[in-house]
Amino acid sequence: MKKKIIFLVNVDSFFISHRLPIAKELLKKGYEVHIATEFTAYKKKIMRMGFKTHDINFNRNSLNLFRALVVCFQIFFLFLKIRPNIVHLISLKPIIFGGLICFVTPINSIVASVTGLGSMFIKKGFFFKIRETFFNIIYKIIFKYPKIIVILQNNSDLNYLIKKSNLNKKKVKIIRGSGIILNDFKFYKIPKNLPIILMASRIIYDKGVFEFIEAIRYLKKIDFKGKFYLIGDIDNTNPSVIKKSTVDFWKKKKLIFYKKHQKNISNFIRKSTVLVLPSYREGFPKILMEAAASGRPVVTTNVPGCKDAVLNKTTGIIVPVKNHIALAKAILNLCKNKKKLENFGKAARKHAIKKFDIQDVVDKHLSIYNLLEK
């Protein structure tokens, strides 16, 4: 009889971008692999690959209690029907809903991938403090599951969950990011024409988009000659979304060239001079791995996730969070020094080869599944 695994993930696009190579390797190993998620555009593609699909309407940023109950029932009946050997829960809602339901269904083993704890630190105020406390209590319950391994992406999240949710360090594996296919991001020399500064992320406050814009204004005031690209989708499901009208205003003022999310982001990275990510907090950002693999220096913030992906003053420059002047000066520092750009780029590629290879991430996941099956 085939071993069965369910990937429970909030949306299909995230599965495609961050977990697909792992799932494909499981198919090769003879597993029956089920993908349970909110499908947007990739259901047919996932089915053609040989995966079994199940619709779960997570409504990612909804706080509606009735919708939450519907999701719980969907997951409950799915687990009863499939009876998988392992359930792999990825990101907040799948971990919360799926983790609790595992206690009342015949699930042997859980893998819980915590992809970041950003909102618990970024948002301030009474409501967010109550929400943080609630999530920590739920995490505390789920982490007591008899057979569970928790995958974290950085040590800051590990220390927080040990303190706040009584996470047992023996149940934890640190895997720094989802890895990248290095051949998809070949090394290119930095172009010698007008500097191009690229930021690629969801268009939300928490990614530091406003700091990027203010840095651009600062650089233009001192007559810096360069082009600034902002690439990413306007995520209307996120509470910190930046409105399209605001982005349109920036375009009108000729601060940025804006494009929606690009499937072939490597084409834009190789045309760029420097990539920036002034985020407020991350798990382990994929775009920084992709930039490194392409030989591009980065400027990013001194926060968990971002600082873990960069060797400061070797592959990029780390600046204080929410500080557009420091961001602008770091961009200027790199762009005015061609030798530094070249050295950082070469070091970044070497770092990517050593640390970000997707095969290493796949192997680590397979070892976790094997450990749980013993």
Protein backbone atom coordinates (compact mmCIF):
# COMPACT_ATOMS: atom_id res chain seq x y z
CA MET A 1 0.00 0.00 0.00
CA LYS A 2 1.29 3.47 -0.93
CA LYS A 3 2.26 5.88 1.83
CA LYS A 4 0.04 8.95 1.80
CA ILE A 5 0.91 12.56 2.57
CA ILE A 6 -1.30 15.66 2.54
CA PHE A 7 0.15 19.13 2.01
CA LEU A 8 -2.27 21.55 3.64
CA VAL A 9 -1.35 25.04 2.44
CA ASN A 10 -3.21 28.35 2.31
CA VAL A 11 -3.08 28.98 -1.46
CA ASP A 12 -1.95 27.06 -4.55
CA SER A 13 0.49 29.73 -5.75
CA PHE A 14 2.51 29.39 -2.55
CA PHE A 15 2.65 25.62 -2.96
CA ILE A 16 3.91 26.03 -6.54
CA SER A 17 6.57 28.59 -5.61
CA HIS A 18 7.79 27.11 -2.32
CA ARG A 19 6.98 23.38 -1.97
CA LEU A 20 6.56 21.86 -5.43
CA PRO A 21 10.05 20.27 -5.74
CA ILE A 22 9.55 18.47 -2.40
CA ALA A 23 6.16 17.10 -3.46
CA LYS A 24 7.52 15.99 -6.86
CA GLU A 25 10.32 14.09 -5.16
CA LEU A 26 7.76 12.30 -2.97
CA LEU A 27 5.90 11.18 -6.11
CA LYS A 28 9.15 9.70 -7.41
CA LYS A 29 9.56 7.87 -4.09
CA GLY A 30 6.15 6.24 -4.58
CA TYR A 31 4.05 8.36 -2.23
CA GLU A 32 0.43 9.22 -2.90
CA VAL A 33 0.59 13.00 -2.62
CA HIS A 34 -2.49 15.12 -1.87
CA ILE A 35 -2.58 18.92 -2.18
CA ALA A 36 -5.31 20.57 -0.09
CA THR A 37 -5.47 24.30 -0.63
CA GLU A 38 -7.43 27.27 -1.91
CA PHE A 39 -7.04 27.00 -5.67
CA THR A 40 -6.73 30.15 -7.74
CA ALA A 41 -4.96 29.40 -11.01
CA TYR A 42 -2.90 26.22 -10.73
CA LYS A 43 -5.31 23.37 -10.06
CA LYS A 44 -5.10 21.79 -13.53
CA LYS A 45 -1.33 22.15 -13.61
CA ILE A 46 -1.02 20.42 -10.22
CA MET A 47 -3.36 17.61 -11.28
CA ARG A 48 -1.42 17.03 -14.52
CA MET A 49 1.71 16.44 -12.45
CA GLY A 50 0.06 13.50 -10.72
CA PHE A 51 -1.06 15.08 -7.47
CA LYS A 52 -4.52 14.56 -5.98
CA THR A 53 -6.24 17.88 -5.26
CA HIS A 54 -8.74 19.00 -2.65
CA ASP A 55 -10.38 22.43 -2.35
CA ILE A 56 -10.12 24.11 1.04
CA ASN A 57 -11.56 27.65 1.14
CA PHE A 58 -9.20 29.22 3.66
CA ASN A 59 -10.22 32.85 2.97
CA ARG A 60 -6.75 33.78 4.15
CA ASN A 61 -7.44 37.06 5.95
CA SER A 62 -11.04 36.48 6.97
CA LEU A 63 -11.88 36.49 10.68
CA ASN A 64 -15.42 35.22 10.05
CA LEU A 65 -16.16 32.48 12.61
CA PHE A 66 -18.69 30.69 10.38
CA ARG A 67 -16.16 30.47 7.51
CA ALA A 68 -13.55 29.17 9.95
CA LEU A 69 -15.94 26.40 11.04
CA VAL A 70 -16.61 25.47 7.40
CA VAL A 71 -12.84 25.14 6.81
CA CYS A 72 -12.48 22.99 9.91
CA PHE A 73 -15.20 20.62 8.72
CA GLN A 74 -13.62 20.43 5.25
CA ILE A 75 -10.27 19.47 6.78
CA PHE A 76 -11.87 17.05 9.26
CA PHE A 77 -13.68 15.05 6.59
CA LEU A 78 -10.64 15.15 4.27
CA PHE A 79 -8.38 13.65 6.96
CA LEU A 80 -10.98 10.96 7.73
CA LYS A 81 -11.32 10.10 4.04
CA ILE A 82 -7.62 10.00 3.11
CA ARG A 83 -6.14 8.79 6.41
CA PRO A 84 -2.64 9.97 5.48
CA ASN A 85 0.56 8.76 7.11
CA ILE A 86 1.80 12.35 7.35
CA VAL A 87 0.11 15.75 7.23
CA HIS A 88 2.39 18.64 6.26
CA LEU A 89 0.87 21.92 7.48
CA ILE A 90 2.27 25.06 5.86
CA SER A 91 1.72 28.61 7.20
CA LEU A 92 -0.56 30.01 9.89
CA LYS A 93 -4.15 28.98 9.12
CA PRO A 94 -3.29 25.45 7.93
CA ILE A 95 -1.24 24.92 11.10
CA ILE A 96 -3.98 26.28 13.39
CA PHE A 97 -6.94 24.50 11.76
CA GLY A 98 -5.13 21.37 10.59
CA GLY A 99 -3.12 21.01 13.79
CA LEU A 100 -6.16 21.08 16.05
CA ILE A 101 -8.13 18.70 13.83
CA CYS A 102 -5.29 16.17 13.91
CA PHE A 103 -6.18 15.56 17.59
CA VAL A 104 -9.64 14.22 16.63
CA THR A 105 -8.71 12.30 13.46
CA PRO A 106 -6.47 9.25 12.91
CA ILE A 107 -3.34 11.21 11.92
CA ASN A 108 -0.08 9.58 12.87
CA SER A 109 2.45 12.35 12.19
CA ILE A 110 2.54 16.11 11.61
CA VAL A 111 5.08 18.36 9.97
CA ALA A 112 4.36 22.03 10.70
CA SER A 113 6.19 24.61 8.58
CA VAL A 114 6.08 28.01 10.27
CA THR A 115 6.91 30.29 7.35
CA GLY A 116 7.29 33.43 9.46
CA LEU A 117 5.90 35.22 12.50
CA GLY A 118 5.97 38.72 11.03
CA SER A 119 2.50 39.94 11.97
CA MET A 120 3.05 39.05 15.64
CA PHE A 121 5.88 41.58 15.82
CA ILE A 122 4.98 44.19 13.22
CA LYS A 123 1.46 45.06 14.31
CA LYS A 124 0.99 47.02 17.53
CA GLY A 125 -2.06 47.74 19.67
CA PHE A 126 -4.53 45.98 21.94
CA PHE A 127 -6.25 43.91 19.25
CA PHE A 128 -2.98 42.56 17.87
CA LYS A 129 -1.72 41.75 21.39
CA ILE A 130 -4.88 39.71 22.03
CA ARG A 131 -4.44 37.97 18.67
CA GLU A 132 -0.79 37.19 19.45
CA THR A 133 -1.73 35.68 22.82
CA PHE A 134 -4.48 33.58 21.21
CA PHE A 135 -2.16 32.20 18.52
CA ASN A 136 0.52 31.38 21.08
CA ILE A 137 -1.97 29.37 23.14
CA ILE A 138 -3.09 27.44 20.04
CA TYR A 139 0.52 26.83 19.02
CA LYS A 140 1.22 25.56 22.54
CA ILE A 141 -1.56 22.99 22.17
CA ILE A 142 -0.49 21.86 18.68
CA PHE A 143 3.18 21.56 19.64
CA LYS A 144 2.15 18.95 22.24
CA TYR A 145 1.08 16.55 19.50
CA PRO A 146 2.83 13.21 20.19
CA LYS A 147 4.52 12.93 16.79
CA ILE A 148 5.30 16.36 15.36
CA ILE A 149 8.29 18.09 13.80
CA VAL A 150 8.22 21.88 13.47
CA ILE A 151 10.19 23.44 10.63
CA LEU A 152 11.38 26.99 11.26
CA GLN A 153 13.37 29.28 8.99
CA ASN A 154 15.40 31.33 11.46
CA ASN A 155 16.61 31.29 15.06
CA SER A 156 14.62 34.37 16.06
CA ASP A 157 11.34 32.52 15.41
CA LEU A 158 12.72 29.50 17.29
CA ASN A 159 13.60 31.54 20.39
CA TYR A 160 10.23 33.27 20.33
CA LEU A 161 8.21 30.05 20.13
CA ILE A 162 10.30 28.34 22.82
CA LYS A 163 9.54 31.26 25.13
CA LYS A 164 5.92 31.96 24.21
CA SER A 165 4.54 28.56 23.15
CA ASN A 166 6.69 26.09 25.10
CA LEU A 167 8.07 24.62 21.89
CA ASN A 168 10.42 21.74 22.60
CA LYS A 169 13.68 22.38 20.76
CA LYS A 170 14.04 18.63 20.17
CA LYS A 171 10.96 18.78 17.92
CA VAL A 172 12.45 21.52 15.71
CA LYS A 173 14.37 21.47 12.44
CA ILE A 174 15.77 24.72 11.06
CA ILE A 175 15.60 24.86 7.26
CA ARG A 176 16.61 28.26 5.97
CA GLY A 177 14.06 28.97 3.29
CA SER A 178 12.55 26.93 0.50
CA GLY A 179 15.71 26.90 -1.61
CA ILE A 180 16.01 27.68 -5.30
CA ILE A 181 16.85 25.82 -8.49
CA LEU A 182 20.29 27.31 -9.10
CA ASN A 183 20.18 26.64 -12.85
CA ASP A 184 17.13 28.91 -13.11
CA PHE A 185 19.20 31.82 -11.78
CA LYS A 186 22.49 31.83 -13.62
CA PHE A 187 25.28 34.24 -12.74
CA TYR A 188 25.35 37.37 -14.89
CA LYS A 189 27.81 40.23 -14.74
CA ILE A 190 26.29 43.46 -13.52
CA PRO A 191 25.33 45.71 -16.45
CA LYS A 192 27.48 48.80 -16.91
CA ASN A 193 24.69 51.09 -18.07
CA LEU A 194 22.45 53.32 -15.92
CA PRO A 195 21.93 51.68 -12.49
CA ILE A 196 18.66 49.79 -12.08
CA ILE A 197 17.39 49.35 -8.52
CA LEU A 198 14.85 46.54 -8.17
CA MET A 199 12.37 45.76 -5.41
CA ALA A 200 10.26 42.63 -5.96
CA SER A 201 7.65 41.73 -3.33
CA ARG A 202 3.97 41.90 -2.57
CA ILE A 203 2.84 45.52 -2.54
CA ILE A 204 2.13 45.85 1.17
CA TYR A 205 3.35 48.19 3.92
CA ASP A 206 5.14 45.42 5.81
CA LYS A 207 7.58 44.80 2.95
CA GLY A 208 8.97 48.33 3.37
CA VAL A 209 7.56 49.66 0.10
CA PHE A 210 7.12 53.16 1.53
CA GLU A 211 10.73 53.19 2.72
CA PHE A 212 11.75 52.27 -0.83
CA ILE A 213 9.73 55.18 -2.23
CA GLU A 214 11.16 57.64 0.31
CA ALA A 215 14.68 56.40 -0.49
CA ILE A 216 13.98 57.07 -4.18
CA ARG A 217 12.85 60.62 -3.36
CA TYR A 218 16.03 61.16 -1.33
CA LEU A 219 18.24 59.89 -4.15
CA LYS A 220 16.48 62.00 -6.76
CA LYS A 221 17.00 65.11 -4.61
CA ILE A 222 20.76 64.55 -4.69
CA ASP A 223 20.55 63.99 -8.46
CA PHE A 224 21.28 60.24 -8.44
CA LYS A 225 20.86 58.89 -11.96
CA GLY A 226 19.15 55.55 -12.00
CA LYS A 227 15.93 53.65 -12.68
CA PHE A 228 13.74 52.18 -9.96
CA TYR A 229 11.54 49.13 -10.52
CA LEU A 230 8.80 47.89 -8.21
CA ILE A 231 7.50 44.44 -9.15
CA GLY A 232 4.76 42.54 -7.37
CA ASP A 233 1.03 42.05 -6.99
CA ILE A 234 -1.23 44.36 -5.03
CA ASP A 235 -2.41 41.90 -2.36
CA ASN A 236 -5.95 43.07 -1.58
CA THR A 237 -6.43 40.15 0.85
CA ASN A 238 -3.70 41.54 3.13
CA PRO A 239 -4.64 44.12 5.80
CA SER A 240 -1.49 46.13 5.05
CA VAL A 241 -2.17 46.38 1.32
CA ILE A 242 -1.09 49.51 -0.55
CA LYS A 243 -3.85 50.73 -2.84
CA LYS A 244 -3.50 50.68 -6.60
CA SER A 245 -4.23 54.43 -6.66
CA THR A 246 -1.12 55.02 -4.55
CA VAL A 247 1.03 52.94 -6.88
CA ASP A 248 -0.47 54.78 -9.86
CA PHE A 249 0.45 58.08 -8.19
CA TRP A 250 4.07 56.95 -7.82
CA LYS A 251 4.12 55.98 -11.49
CA LYS A 252 2.64 59.34 -12.49
CA LYS A 253 5.33 61.14 -10.51
CA LYS A 254 7.93 58.99 -12.33
CA LEU A 255 9.34 57.62 -9.10
CA ILE A 256 9.05 54.00 -10.22
CA PHE A 257 8.44 51.67 -13.11
CA TYR A 258 5.79 49.26 -11.84
CA LYS A 259 4.97 45.75 -13.05
CA LYS A 260 2.78 43.02 -11.61
CA HIS A 261 4.27 39.77 -10.32
CA GLN A 262 6.55 38.27 -12.96
CA LYS A 263 6.90 34.50 -13.39
CA ASN A 264 10.37 34.96 -14.88
CA ILE A 265 11.73 37.31 -12.24
CA SER A 266 15.26 36.16 -13.17
CA ASN A 267 15.02 38.26 -16.35
CA PHE A 268 14.56 41.38 -14.26
CA ILE A 269 17.14 40.47 -11.65
CA ARG A 270 19.90 40.02 -14.26
CA LYS A 271 19.11 43.45 -15.75
CA SER A 272 19.33 45.08 -12.33
CA THR A 273 22.30 46.56 -10.50
CA VAL A 274 21.09 46.18 -6.91
CA LEU A 275 18.08 44.45 -5.39
CA VAL A 276 16.45 45.85 -2.25
CA LEU A 277 14.09 44.38 0.34
CA PRO A 278 13.45 46.82 3.21
CA SER A 279 10.98 44.43 4.90
CA TYR A 280 9.90 44.71 8.54
CA ARG A 281 10.29 40.95 9.16
CA GLU A 282 10.50 37.73 7.12
CA GLY A 283 10.77 33.98 7.48
CA PHE A 284 13.57 33.57 4.91
CA PRO A 285 12.85 35.60 1.77
CA LYS A 286 13.13 33.75 -1.52
CA ILE A 287 13.85 36.90 -3.52
CA LEU A 288 17.12 37.42 -1.61
CA MET A 289 18.19 33.88 -2.48
CA GLU A 290 17.31 34.47 -6.13
CA ALA A 291 19.28 37.73 -6.18
CA ALA A 292 22.32 36.04 -4.66
CA ALA A 293 22.20 33.18 -7.18
CA SER A 294 22.14 35.74 -10.00
CA GLY A 295 25.15 37.53 -8.57
CA ARG A 296 23.32 40.64 -7.44
CA PRO A 297 24.23 42.59 -4.30
CA VAL A 298 21.29 43.38 -2.04
CA VAL A 299 20.32 46.01 0.45
CA THR A 300 18.01 44.71 3.14
CA THR A 301 17.00 45.33 6.74
CA ASN A 302 18.41 44.16 10.05
CA VAL A 303 15.41 41.98 10.89
CA PRO A 304 14.90 38.20 11.24
CA GLY A 305 14.85 36.45 7.90
CA CYS A 306 16.40 39.27 5.90
CA LYS A 307 19.63 39.47 7.90
CA ASP A 308 19.87 35.65 7.84
CA ALA A 309 19.94 35.57 4.03
CA VAL A 310 22.78 38.09 3.59
CA LEU A 311 26.45 38.26 4.56
CA ASN A 312 26.71 41.90 5.61
CA LYS A 313 29.35 43.86 3.68
CA THR A 314 30.16 40.72 1.69
CA THR A 315 27.06 39.85 -0.38
CA GLY A 316 25.04 42.93 0.51
CA ILE A 317 24.43 45.71 2.98
CA ILE A 318 22.15 45.43 6.01
CA VAL A 319 20.49 48.67 7.15
CA PRO A 320 18.21 49.60 10.07
CA VAL A 321 14.53 48.84 9.54
CA LYS A 322 12.17 51.73 8.65
CA ASN A 323 15.09 54.02 7.79
CA HIS A 324 14.82 55.29 4.23
CA ILE A 325 17.93 57.47 4.48
CA ALA A 326 20.13 54.52 5.46
CA LEU A 327 18.52 52.55 2.63
CA ALA A 328 19.24 55.30 0.11
CA LYS A 329 22.84 55.74 1.26
CA ALA A 330 23.48 51.99 0.98
CA ILE A 331 22.11 51.97 -2.58
CA LEU A 332 24.32 54.96 -3.41
CA ASN A 333 27.34 53.33 -1.76
CA LEU A 334 27.04 50.26 -3.99
CA CYS A 335 26.18 52.02 -7.23
CA LYS A 336 29.10 54.45 -6.93
CA ASN A 337 31.63 51.65 -6.43
CA LYS A 338 31.86 49.30 -9.41
CA LYS A 339 34.56 47.17 -7.83
CA LYS A 340 32.43 46.62 -4.72
CA LEU A 341 29.44 45.72 -6.89
CA GLU A 342 31.53 43.16 -8.73
CA ASN A 343 33.01 41.63 -5.57
CA PHE A 344 29.64 41.49 -3.79
CA GLY A 345 28.06 39.86 -6.84
CA LYS A 346 30.68 37.11 -7.06
CA ALA A 347 30.49 36.46 -3.31
CA ALA A 348 26.69 36.32 -3.49
CA ARG A 349 26.76 33.62 -6.16
CA LYS A 350 29.22 31.52 -4.12
CA HIS A 351 27.02 31.93 -1.04
CA ALA A 352 23.94 30.84 -2.99
CA ILE A 353 25.66 27.70 -4.29
CA LYS A 354 26.75 26.80 -0.77
CA LYS A 355 23.53 27.61 1.11
CA PHE A 356 20.46 27.90 -1.14
CA ASP A 357 20.43 24.81 -3.38
CA ILE A 358 16.89 23.37 -3.63
CA GLN A 359 18.19 19.79 -3.53
CA ASP A 360 19.53 20.36 -0.02
CA VAL A 361 16.08 21.57 1.09
CA VAL A 362 14.37 18.58 -0.55
CA ASP A 363 16.78 16.13 1.11
CA LYS A 364 16.20 17.68 4.53
CA HIS A 365 12.42 17.35 4.14
CA LEU A 366 12.69 13.72 3.06
CA SER A 367 14.81 12.95 6.11
CA ILE A 368 12.11 14.50 8.30
CA TYR A 369 9.39 12.35 6.73
CA ASN A 370 11.57 9.25 7.14
CA LEU A 371 12.21 10.11 10.79
CA LEU A 372 8.48 10.40 11.52
CA GLU A 373 7.74 7.05 9.90
CA LYS A 374 10.11 5.13 12.18
